[in-house]
Amino acid sequence: MTSTTIRPARHRSLGDHTWQVDAVCQSTEYNPVDPEIFFPAPDETDKITAAKALCGQCPVRRTCLDAALEANDTDGIRGGLTEEERGPLHGKIAHRLDYSRVNDTIAGRDVHLTNAERTAVVHAAYRQGVTEQRLAWLLKITEEHAQKLYRELRRALRNRDLNEPATTTALPEVGGEHLGRYDFGTAA
């Protein structure tokens, strides 16, 4: 019988570059890698193929791609993708919403967040009763800004509740006739 262990996602902390030690592209005495293959000209298909082959073996490829997108790095091959292949992803990164990143932030880890994830952190923190001071610390903002975010969220929730149509329940029927409020006895 095989057992599968699912580890929680480990997201890069702010300023964390330790993942680069595990990258296959790091040249060592036993694994000499020419860094120039990761910066090919568009017509140098052998260099592109070689770089992508190395990236295909890399245990931190996803982290490398995230770092390139988060830093808006548009040069070279990063995370197994060329500059042209990463192009469309750069525009979408601000809308990424990864709830494991949100949960890590609520737990107190310094994680790179997109705009959508920052908004989700505010919602999650509010629902969990996180104080404005703690929210300010989690998002690295001032307490005044955290108060403003909570105030805006409370207003949005209140307006959402006001705009929702009231649901009414149908009156019960007995023998095909609707029962009115006077057809019920008083509670003892």
N, C-alpha and C. Protein backbone atom coordinates (compact mmCIF):
# COMPACT_ATOMS: atom_id res chain seq x y z
N MET A 1 0.85 -1.18 0.00
CA MET A 1 0.00 0.00 0.00
C MET A 1 0.89 1.24 0.00
N THR A 2 0.60 2.14 -0.87
CA THR A 2 1.36 3.39 -0.95
C THR A 2 0.66 4.47 -0.14
N SER A 3 1.45 5.27 0.51
CA SER A 3 0.85 6.39 1.22
C SER A 3 1.34 7.67 0.58
N THR A 4 0.45 8.60 0.48
CA THR A 4 0.79 9.89 -0.11
C THR A 4 0.75 10.95 0.96
N THR A 5 1.79 11.72 1.02
CA THR A 5 1.84 12.83 1.96
C THR A 5 1.69 14.11 1.17
N ILE A 6 0.74 14.91 1.56
CA ILE A 6 0.56 16.18 0.89
C ILE A 6 1.10 17.26 1.82
N ARG A 7 2.18 17.86 1.38
CA ARG A 7 2.78 18.94 2.17
C ARG A 7 2.10 20.24 1.83
N PRO A 8 1.97 21.12 2.80
CA PRO A 8 1.42 22.43 2.46
C PRO A 8 2.40 23.17 1.55
N ALA A 9 1.84 24.03 0.72
CA ALA A 9 2.68 24.82 -0.18
C ALA A 9 3.63 25.69 0.63
N ARG A 10 4.88 25.76 0.19
CA ARG A 10 5.85 26.65 0.84
C ARG A 10 6.06 27.82 -0.09
N HIS A 11 5.58 28.95 0.35
CA HIS A 11 5.70 30.13 -0.48
C HIS A 11 6.92 30.93 -0.06
N ARG A 12 7.50 31.59 -1.04
CA ARG A 12 8.66 32.43 -0.80
C ARG A 12 8.30 33.56 0.13
N SER A 13 9.10 33.77 1.13
CA SER A 13 8.91 34.92 2.02
C SER A 13 9.49 36.16 1.34
N LEU A 14 9.09 37.31 1.84
CA LEU A 14 9.62 38.55 1.30
C LEU A 14 11.14 38.56 1.43
N GLY A 15 11.83 38.84 0.36
CA GLY A 15 13.29 38.91 0.38
C GLY A 15 14.00 37.57 0.41
N ASP A 16 13.26 36.47 0.31
CA ASP A 16 13.85 35.13 0.39
C ASP A 16 14.40 34.71 -0.97
N HIS A 17 15.69 34.44 -1.01
CA HIS A 17 16.33 33.95 -2.23
C HIS A 17 17.00 32.61 -1.99
N THR A 18 16.71 31.98 -0.87
CA THR A 18 17.35 30.70 -0.54
C THR A 18 16.97 29.60 -1.51
N TRP A 19 15.83 29.71 -2.17
CA TRP A 19 15.40 28.70 -3.12
C TRP A 19 16.39 28.55 -4.27
N GLN A 20 17.16 29.60 -4.56
CA GLN A 20 18.09 29.57 -5.68
C GLN A 20 19.20 28.54 -5.49
N VAL A 21 19.48 28.17 -4.25
CA VAL A 21 20.51 27.16 -3.97
C VAL A 21 20.12 25.82 -4.59
N ASP A 22 18.81 25.53 -4.62
CA ASP A 22 18.32 24.26 -5.16
C ASP A 22 18.09 24.28 -6.66
N ALA A 23 18.31 25.42 -7.30
CA ALA A 23 18.05 25.55 -8.74
C ALA A 23 19.09 24.78 -9.55
N VAL A 24 18.63 24.11 -10.57
CA VAL A 24 19.51 23.32 -11.45
C VAL A 24 20.43 24.22 -12.24
N CYS A 25 20.04 25.47 -12.47
CA CYS A 25 20.85 26.37 -13.28
C CYS A 25 22.06 26.93 -12.53
N GLN A 26 22.17 26.67 -11.24
CA GLN A 26 23.32 27.14 -10.47
C GLN A 26 24.54 26.29 -10.82
N SER A 27 25.56 26.92 -11.29
CA SER A 27 26.77 26.21 -11.69
C SER A 27 27.56 25.78 -10.46
N THR A 28 27.95 24.52 -10.45
CA THR A 28 28.78 23.99 -9.36
C THR A 28 29.99 23.29 -9.97
N GLU A 29 30.87 22.83 -9.11
CA GLU A 29 32.06 22.11 -9.57
C GLU A 29 31.67 20.85 -10.36
N TYR A 30 30.60 20.18 -9.89
CA TYR A 30 30.18 18.92 -10.52
C TYR A 30 29.12 19.12 -11.60
N ASN A 31 28.53 20.31 -11.65
CA ASN A 31 27.49 20.61 -12.62
C ASN A 31 27.74 21.99 -13.23
N PRO A 32 28.73 22.08 -14.12
CA PRO A 32 28.99 23.39 -14.72
C PRO A 32 27.87 23.78 -15.69
N VAL A 33 27.30 24.94 -15.45
CA VAL A 33 26.21 25.44 -16.30
C VAL A 33 26.60 26.82 -16.81
N ASP A 34 26.51 26.99 -18.13
CA ASP A 34 26.81 28.28 -18.73
C ASP A 34 25.58 29.17 -18.58
N PRO A 35 25.64 30.25 -17.80
CA PRO A 35 24.46 31.10 -17.61
C PRO A 35 23.98 31.78 -18.89
N GLU A 36 24.83 31.83 -19.89
CA GLU A 36 24.45 32.48 -21.16
C GLU A 36 23.33 31.74 -21.88
N ILE A 37 23.16 30.43 -21.60
CA ILE A 37 22.09 29.71 -22.31
C ILE A 37 20.70 30.19 -21.86
N PHE A 38 20.61 30.87 -20.73
CA PHE A 38 19.33 31.37 -20.24
C PHE A 38 18.99 32.76 -20.78
N PHE A 39 19.89 33.30 -21.59
CA PHE A 39 19.67 34.61 -22.21
C PHE A 39 19.95 34.53 -23.70
N PRO A 40 19.22 33.64 -24.41
CA PRO A 40 19.48 33.48 -25.85
C PRO A 40 18.80 34.57 -26.67
N ALA A 41 19.30 34.73 -27.86
CA ALA A 41 18.62 35.59 -28.84
C ALA A 41 17.41 34.80 -29.34
N PRO A 42 16.38 35.45 -29.86
CA PRO A 42 15.17 34.74 -30.29
C PRO A 42 15.40 33.64 -31.32
N ASP A 43 16.46 33.74 -32.10
CA ASP A 43 16.71 32.73 -33.13
C ASP A 43 17.66 31.62 -32.68
N GLU A 44 18.15 31.66 -31.45
CA GLU A 44 19.07 30.63 -30.94
C GLU A 44 18.28 29.49 -30.30
N THR A 45 17.68 28.68 -31.18
CA THR A 45 16.78 27.63 -30.70
C THR A 45 17.50 26.54 -29.90
N ASP A 46 18.79 26.26 -30.21
CA ASP A 46 19.49 25.22 -29.42
C ASP A 46 19.68 25.68 -27.98
N LYS A 47 20.00 26.96 -27.77
CA LYS A 47 20.15 27.48 -26.40
C LYS A 47 18.81 27.45 -25.66
N ILE A 48 17.75 27.81 -26.37
CA ILE A 48 16.42 27.81 -25.75
C ILE A 48 16.04 26.39 -25.35
N THR A 49 16.28 25.43 -26.22
CA THR A 49 15.97 24.02 -25.93
C THR A 49 16.79 23.52 -24.76
N ALA A 50 18.08 23.85 -24.73
CA ALA A 50 18.95 23.40 -23.63
C ALA A 50 18.50 24.02 -22.30
N ALA A 51 18.18 25.30 -22.31
CA ALA A 51 17.75 25.97 -21.08
C ALA A 51 16.44 25.38 -20.58
N LYS A 52 15.49 25.15 -21.48
CA LYS A 52 14.21 24.58 -21.09
C LYS A 52 14.38 23.14 -20.58
N ALA A 53 15.33 22.41 -21.13
CA ALA A 53 15.58 21.04 -20.66
C ALA A 53 16.09 21.07 -19.22
N LEU A 54 16.99 22.03 -18.91
CA LEU A 54 17.46 22.18 -17.52
C LEU A 54 16.30 22.58 -16.60
N CYS A 55 15.50 23.52 -17.04
CA CYS A 55 14.36 23.97 -16.22
C CYS A 55 13.38 22.83 -15.97
N GLY A 56 13.24 21.95 -16.94
CA GLY A 56 12.33 20.82 -16.80
C GLY A 56 12.72 19.88 -15.66
N GLN A 57 13.99 19.87 -15.29
CA GLN A 57 14.49 19.02 -14.21
C GLN A 57 14.53 19.73 -12.86
N CYS A 58 14.26 21.01 -12.86
CA CYS A 58 14.50 21.83 -11.68
C CYS A 58 13.41 21.68 -10.61
N PRO A 59 13.80 21.43 -9.36
CA PRO A 59 12.83 21.28 -8.28
C PRO A 59 12.19 22.60 -7.84
N VAL A 60 12.78 23.73 -8.20
CA VAL A 60 12.24 25.04 -7.78
C VAL A 60 11.76 25.85 -8.99
N ARG A 61 11.38 25.16 -10.04
CA ARG A 61 10.95 25.83 -11.27
C ARG A 61 9.76 26.75 -11.03
N ARG A 62 8.78 26.27 -10.28
CA ARG A 62 7.58 27.07 -10.01
C ARG A 62 7.93 28.34 -9.20
N THR A 63 8.80 28.18 -8.23
CA THR A 63 9.24 29.31 -7.41
C THR A 63 9.99 30.31 -8.27
N CYS A 64 10.81 29.82 -9.17
CA CYS A 64 11.57 30.68 -10.09
C CYS A 64 10.62 31.47 -10.98
N LEU A 65 9.59 30.80 -11.50
CA LEU A 65 8.61 31.48 -12.34
C LEU A 65 7.85 32.53 -11.53
N ASP A 66 7.43 32.18 -10.31
CA ASP A 66 6.74 33.15 -9.45
C ASP A 66 7.62 34.37 -9.18
N ALA A 67 8.90 34.12 -8.88
CA ALA A 67 9.83 35.22 -8.58
C ALA A 67 9.99 36.12 -9.81
N ALA A 68 10.08 35.54 -10.98
CA ALA A 68 10.22 36.33 -12.21
C ALA A 68 8.96 37.17 -12.46
N LEU A 69 7.80 36.58 -12.25
CA LEU A 69 6.55 37.31 -12.48
C LEU A 69 6.34 38.40 -11.44
N GLU A 70 6.61 38.07 -10.17
CA GLU A 70 6.42 39.04 -9.10
C GLU A 70 7.38 40.21 -9.21
N ALA A 71 8.60 39.96 -9.72
CA ALA A 71 9.60 41.02 -9.87
C ALA A 71 9.51 41.71 -11.24
N ASN A 72 8.52 41.27 -12.05
CA ASN A 72 8.34 41.81 -13.39
C ASN A 72 9.61 41.65 -14.22
N ASP A 73 10.29 40.52 -14.03
CA ASP A 73 11.53 40.21 -14.75
C ASP A 73 11.17 39.73 -16.15
N THR A 74 11.57 40.49 -17.14
CA THR A 74 11.20 40.16 -18.51
C THR A 74 12.39 39.66 -19.33
N ASP A 75 13.53 39.45 -18.72
CA ASP A 75 14.73 39.02 -19.46
C ASP A 75 15.02 37.54 -19.24
N GLY A 76 15.38 36.88 -20.31
CA GLY A 76 15.87 35.51 -20.22
C GLY A 76 14.79 34.47 -20.00
N ILE A 77 15.26 33.24 -19.82
CA ILE A 77 14.37 32.11 -19.56
C ILE A 77 14.32 31.93 -18.05
N ARG A 78 13.12 31.98 -17.51
CA ARG A 78 12.91 31.83 -16.06
C ARG A 78 11.74 30.89 -15.85
N GLY A 79 11.89 29.95 -14.95
CA GLY A 79 10.80 29.03 -14.65
C GLY A 79 10.39 28.18 -15.83
N GLY A 80 11.31 27.98 -16.77
CA GLY A 80 11.03 27.14 -17.92
C GLY A 80 10.30 27.85 -19.05
N LEU A 81 10.12 29.17 -18.93
CA LEU A 81 9.42 29.92 -19.97
C LEU A 81 10.31 31.03 -20.53
N THR A 82 10.17 31.24 -21.83
CA THR A 82 10.92 32.33 -22.46
C THR A 82 10.25 33.66 -22.15
N GLU A 83 10.91 34.74 -22.54
CA GLU A 83 10.36 36.09 -22.32
C GLU A 83 8.98 36.22 -22.97
N GLU A 84 8.86 35.69 -24.19
CA GLU A 84 7.60 35.79 -24.93
C GLU A 84 6.51 34.95 -24.26
N GLU A 85 6.87 33.78 -23.74
CA GLU A 85 5.87 32.92 -23.09
C GLU A 85 5.41 33.49 -21.76
N ARG A 86 6.29 34.21 -21.07
CA ARG A 86 5.92 34.83 -19.79
C ARG A 86 5.12 36.11 -19.98
N GLY A 87 5.23 36.73 -21.16
CA GLY A 87 4.57 38.01 -21.42
C GLY A 87 3.11 38.07 -20.99
N PRO A 88 2.26 37.15 -21.45
CA PRO A 88 0.85 37.21 -21.06
C PRO A 88 0.64 36.98 -19.56
N LEU A 89 1.54 36.25 -18.94
CA LEU A 89 1.39 35.98 -17.50
C LEU A 89 1.66 37.21 -16.65
N HIS A 90 2.53 38.10 -17.13
CA HIS A 90 2.85 39.32 -16.37
C HIS A 90 1.61 40.16 -16.12
N GLY A 91 0.74 40.25 -17.10
CA GLY A 91 -0.48 41.03 -16.94
C GLY A 91 -1.49 40.37 -16.00
N LYS A 92 -1.42 39.05 -15.89
CA LYS A 92 -2.38 38.32 -15.07
C LYS A 92 -1.94 38.15 -13.61
N ILE A 93 -0.68 38.40 -13.32
CA ILE A 93 -0.16 38.11 -11.98
C ILE A 93 -0.87 38.94 -10.90
N ALA A 94 -1.26 40.16 -11.22
CA ALA A 94 -1.93 41.00 -10.22
C ALA A 94 -3.29 40.43 -9.81
N HIS A 95 -3.87 39.59 -10.67
CA HIS A 95 -5.18 39.02 -10.38
C HIS A 95 -5.10 37.61 -9.80
N ARG A 96 -3.89 37.10 -9.61
CA ARG A 96 -3.74 35.75 -9.05
C ARG A 96 -4.36 35.74 -7.66
N LEU A 97 -5.10 34.69 -7.37
CA LEU A 97 -5.70 34.54 -6.06
C LEU A 97 -5.46 33.12 -5.58
N ASP A 98 -4.43 32.97 -4.78
CA ASP A 98 -4.04 31.67 -4.24
C ASP A 98 -4.35 31.70 -2.74
N TYR A 99 -5.36 30.94 -2.33
CA TYR A 99 -5.80 31.00 -0.94
C TYR A 99 -4.75 30.44 0.02
N SER A 100 -3.84 29.60 -0.45
CA SER A 100 -2.79 29.13 0.46
C SER A 100 -1.86 30.29 0.82
N ARG A 101 -1.67 31.24 -0.09
CA ARG A 101 -0.88 32.44 0.22
C ARG A 101 -1.63 33.31 1.22
N VAL A 102 -2.94 33.43 1.05
CA VAL A 102 -3.77 34.20 1.97
C VAL A 102 -3.70 33.59 3.36
N ASN A 103 -3.85 32.27 3.44
CA ASN A 103 -3.80 31.59 4.74
C ASN A 103 -2.43 31.73 5.39
N ASP A 104 -1.38 31.63 4.60
CA ASP A 104 -0.03 31.81 5.14
C ASP A 104 0.15 33.21 5.71
N THR A 105 -0.40 34.19 5.04
CA THR A 105 -0.29 35.57 5.52
C THR A 105 -1.06 35.75 6.83
N ILE A 106 -2.27 35.22 6.89
CA ILE A 106 -3.07 35.31 8.12
C ILE A 106 -2.34 34.61 9.27
N ALA A 107 -1.60 33.56 8.94
CA ALA A 107 -0.84 32.83 9.96
C ALA A 107 0.42 33.58 10.39
N GLY A 108 0.73 34.70 9.72
CA GLY A 108 1.85 35.52 10.14
C GLY A 108 3.10 35.39 9.31
N ARG A 109 3.04 34.69 8.17
CA ARG A 109 4.22 34.56 7.33
C ARG A 109 4.28 35.71 6.34
N ASP A 110 5.46 36.20 6.07
CA ASP A 110 5.66 37.28 5.09
C ASP A 110 5.73 36.68 3.70
N VAL A 111 4.62 36.72 2.99
CA VAL A 111 4.53 36.10 1.68
C VAL A 111 4.26 37.18 0.64
N HIS A 112 4.83 37.00 -0.54
CA HIS A 112 4.52 37.91 -1.65
C HIS A 112 3.05 37.76 -1.98
N LEU A 113 2.33 38.88 -2.04
CA LEU A 113 0.90 38.86 -2.33
C LEU A 113 0.58 39.72 -3.54
N THR A 114 -0.38 39.26 -4.32
CA THR A 114 -0.89 40.08 -5.41
C THR A 114 -1.98 40.99 -4.85
N ASN A 115 -2.47 41.90 -5.68
CA ASN A 115 -3.54 42.80 -5.24
C ASN A 115 -4.77 42.01 -4.83
N ALA A 116 -5.13 41.00 -5.60
CA ALA A 116 -6.31 40.18 -5.29
C ALA A 116 -6.10 39.43 -3.97
N GLU A 117 -4.89 38.94 -3.74
CA GLU A 117 -4.60 38.22 -2.49
C GLU A 117 -4.62 39.17 -1.29
N ARG A 118 -4.15 40.39 -1.47
CA ARG A 118 -4.19 41.38 -0.38
C ARG A 118 -5.64 41.67 0.02
N THR A 119 -6.51 41.81 -0.98
CA THR A 119 -7.93 42.03 -0.71
C THR A 119 -8.52 40.82 0.02
N ALA A 120 -8.15 39.63 -0.40
CA ALA A 120 -8.65 38.42 0.26
C ALA A 120 -8.16 38.33 1.70
N VAL A 121 -6.94 38.80 1.97
CA VAL A 121 -6.41 38.81 3.34
C VAL A 121 -7.27 39.73 4.21
N VAL A 122 -7.64 40.89 3.67
CA VAL A 122 -8.47 41.82 4.44
C VAL A 122 -9.82 41.17 4.77
N HIS A 123 -10.44 40.51 3.79
CA HIS A 123 -11.72 39.84 4.02
C HIS A 123 -11.58 38.72 5.05
N ALA A 124 -10.55 37.89 4.89
CA ALA A 124 -10.36 36.77 5.81
C ALA A 124 -10.05 37.27 7.22
N ALA A 125 -9.23 38.28 7.32
CA ALA A 125 -8.88 38.83 8.63
C ALA A 125 -10.11 39.41 9.32
N TYR A 126 -10.94 40.10 8.57
CA TYR A 126 -12.16 40.69 9.13
C TYR A 126 -13.10 39.59 9.64
N ARG A 127 -13.29 38.54 8.81
CA ARG A 127 -14.16 37.42 9.21
C ARG A 127 -13.65 36.71 10.45
N GLN A 128 -12.32 36.65 10.59
CA GLN A 128 -11.73 35.94 11.73
C GLN A 128 -11.55 36.84 12.95
N GLY A 129 -11.95 38.09 12.84
CA GLY A 129 -11.85 38.99 13.98
C GLY A 129 -10.44 39.48 14.28
N VAL A 130 -9.59 39.52 13.26
CA VAL A 130 -8.23 40.00 13.42
C VAL A 130 -8.28 41.51 13.68
N THR A 131 -7.54 41.98 14.64
CA THR A 131 -7.55 43.40 14.97
C THR A 131 -6.92 44.23 13.85
N GLU A 132 -7.24 45.51 13.86
CA GLU A 132 -6.67 46.42 12.86
C GLU A 132 -5.15 46.50 13.01
N GLN A 133 -4.68 46.44 14.26
CA GLN A 133 -3.23 46.50 14.50
C GLN A 133 -2.55 45.27 13.88
N ARG A 134 -3.16 44.10 14.06
CA ARG A 134 -2.58 42.87 13.51
C ARG A 134 -2.64 42.90 11.98
N LEU A 135 -3.76 43.38 11.42
CA LEU A 135 -3.87 43.48 9.96
C LEU A 135 -2.78 44.41 9.41
N ALA A 136 -2.55 45.50 10.11
CA ALA A 136 -1.51 46.44 9.68
C ALA A 136 -0.15 45.74 9.67
N TRP A 137 0.11 44.94 10.70
CA TRP A 137 1.38 44.22 10.77
C TRP A 137 1.47 43.18 9.67
N LEU A 138 0.38 42.45 9.41
CA LEU A 138 0.39 41.40 8.39
C LEU A 138 0.64 41.95 6.99
N LEU A 139 0.02 43.10 6.69
CA LEU A 139 0.14 43.66 5.34
C LEU A 139 1.25 44.70 5.23
N LYS A 140 1.94 44.97 6.33
CA LYS A 140 3.03 45.96 6.33
C LYS A 140 2.51 47.34 5.91
N ILE A 141 1.40 47.74 6.55
CA ILE A 141 0.80 49.04 6.30
C ILE A 141 0.59 49.75 7.63
N THR A 142 0.16 50.99 7.59
CA THR A 142 -0.08 51.72 8.83
C THR A 142 -1.42 51.27 9.43
N GLU A 143 -1.58 51.52 10.72
CA GLU A 143 -2.84 51.19 11.38
C GLU A 143 -3.98 52.00 10.78
N GLU A 144 -3.71 53.24 10.41
CA GLU A 144 -4.74 54.08 9.80
C GLU A 144 -5.22 53.47 8.49
N HIS A 145 -4.28 52.94 7.72
CA HIS A 145 -4.66 52.31 6.45
C HIS A 145 -5.47 51.05 6.72
N ALA A 146 -5.10 50.27 7.73
CA ALA A 146 -5.84 49.07 8.09
C ALA A 146 -7.26 49.44 8.53
N GLN A 147 -7.39 50.52 9.30
CA GLN A 147 -8.72 51.00 9.72
C GLN A 147 -9.56 51.37 8.51
N LYS A 148 -8.93 52.03 7.56
CA LYS A 148 -9.63 52.43 6.33
C LYS A 148 -10.09 51.20 5.55
N LEU A 149 -9.22 50.18 5.44
CA LEU A 149 -9.59 48.96 4.72
C LEU A 149 -10.77 48.27 5.38
N TYR A 150 -10.76 48.19 6.71
CA TYR A 150 -11.88 47.58 7.43
C TYR A 150 -13.15 48.41 7.27
N ARG A 151 -13.02 49.72 7.32
CA ARG A 151 -14.17 50.60 7.17
C ARG A 151 -14.80 50.41 5.78
N GLU A 152 -13.97 50.37 4.75
CA GLU A 152 -14.47 50.16 3.39
C GLU A 152 -15.12 48.79 3.25
N LEU A 153 -14.54 47.77 3.89
CA LEU A 153 -15.11 46.43 3.82
C LEU A 153 -16.46 46.38 4.53
N ARG A 154 -16.55 47.00 5.72
CA ARG A 154 -17.84 47.02 6.43
C ARG A 154 -18.90 47.73 5.59
N ARG A 155 -18.52 48.82 4.94
CA ARG A 155 -19.47 49.55 4.09
C ARG A 155 -19.90 48.68 2.92
N ALA A 156 -18.98 48.00 2.29
CA ALA A 156 -19.31 47.13 1.15
C ALA A 156 -20.23 45.99 1.59
N LEU A 157 -19.95 45.39 2.74
CA LEU A 157 -20.81 44.31 3.23
C LEU A 157 -22.20 44.83 3.58
N ARG A 158 -22.26 45.98 4.19
CA ARG A 158 -23.56 46.58 4.54
C ARG A 158 -24.35 46.87 3.27
N ASN A 159 -23.72 47.46 2.28
CA ASN A 159 -24.41 47.78 1.02
C ASN A 159 -24.84 46.51 0.29
N ARG A 160 -24.02 45.48 0.36
CA ARG A 160 -24.39 44.21 -0.27
C ARG A 160 -25.63 43.65 0.40
N ASP A 161 -25.68 43.71 1.74
CA ASP A 161 -26.84 43.20 2.47
C ASP A 161 -28.09 44.01 2.16
N LEU A 162 -27.92 45.32 1.99
CA LEU A 162 -29.08 46.17 1.69
C LEU A 162 -29.61 45.91 0.28
N ASN A 163 -28.74 45.55 -0.63
CA ASN A 163 -29.15 45.34 -2.02
C ASN A 163 -29.70 43.95 -2.29
N GLU A 164 -29.51 43.02 -1.36
CA GLU A 164 -30.03 41.67 -1.55
C GLU A 164 -31.53 41.69 -1.34
N PRO A 165 -32.29 41.04 -2.23
CA PRO A 165 -33.74 41.02 -2.04
C PRO A 165 -34.10 40.18 -0.81
N ALA A 166 -35.09 40.66 -0.08
CA ALA A 166 -35.54 39.93 1.11
C ALA A 166 -36.26 38.68 0.65
N THR A 167 -35.95 37.57 1.28
CA THR A 167 -36.61 36.32 0.92
C THR A 167 -37.79 36.14 1.86
N THR A 168 -38.91 35.79 1.28
CA THR A 168 -40.10 35.55 2.08
C THR A 168 -40.44 34.08 1.97
N THR A 169 -41.00 33.57 3.03
CA THR A 169 -41.39 32.17 3.00
C THR A 169 -42.88 32.11 2.70
N ALA A 170 -43.26 31.14 1.94
CA ALA A 170 -44.66 30.98 1.58
C ALA A 170 -45.44 30.50 2.81
N LEU A 171 -46.64 30.97 2.89
CA LEU A 171 -47.49 30.55 4.00
C LEU A 171 -47.87 29.09 3.82
N PRO A 172 -47.94 28.34 4.92
CA PRO A 172 -48.31 26.93 4.80
C PRO A 172 -49.76 26.78 4.36
N GLU A 173 -50.03 25.66 3.69
CA GLU A 173 -51.39 25.38 3.22
C GLU A 173 -51.95 24.19 3.96
N VAL A 174 -53.25 24.23 4.23
CA VAL A 174 -53.96 23.09 4.80
C VAL A 174 -55.19 22.89 3.95
N GLY A 175 -55.28 21.74 3.33
CA GLY A 175 -56.43 21.44 2.48
C GLY A 175 -56.58 22.42 1.33
N GLY A 176 -55.47 22.91 0.78
CA GLY A 176 -55.51 23.82 -0.36
C GLY A 176 -55.71 25.27 0.03
N GLU A 177 -55.96 25.56 1.33
CA GLU A 177 -56.15 26.94 1.76
C GLU A 177 -54.90 27.44 2.47
N HIS A 178 -54.53 28.69 2.22
CA HIS A 178 -53.39 29.29 2.91
C HIS A 178 -53.79 29.64 4.33
N LEU A 179 -52.90 29.34 5.26
CA LEU A 179 -53.15 29.69 6.64
C LEU A 179 -52.64 31.10 6.89
N GLY A 180 -53.38 31.90 7.57
CA GLY A 180 -52.98 33.26 7.89
C GLY A 180 -52.39 33.33 9.29
N ARG A 181 -52.02 34.53 9.69
CA ARG A 181 -51.37 34.67 10.99
C ARG A 181 -52.31 34.39 12.15
N TYR A 182 -53.62 34.52 11.95
CA TYR A 182 -54.55 34.29 13.05
C TYR A 182 -54.96 32.81 13.15
N ASP A 183 -54.46 31.99 12.22
CA ASP A 183 -54.80 30.57 12.26
C ASP A 183 -53.89 29.78 13.19
N PHE A 184 -52.90 30.44 13.74
CA PHE A 184 -51.96 29.77 14.66
C PHE A 184 -52.27 30.19 16.08
N GLY A 185 -52.03 29.30 17.02
CA GLY A 185 -52.27 29.64 18.42
C GLY A 185 -51.14 30.50 18.98
N THR A 186 -51.31 30.97 20.17
CA THR A 186 -50.27 31.76 20.81
C THR A 186 -49.29 30.82 21.51
N ALA A 187 -48.08 31.22 21.58
CA ALA A 187 -47.07 30.39 22.24
C ALA A 187 -47.26 30.49 23.73
N ALA A 188 -47.12 29.38 24.41
CA ALA A 188 -47.32 29.37 25.87
C ALA A 188 -46.05 29.76 26.58
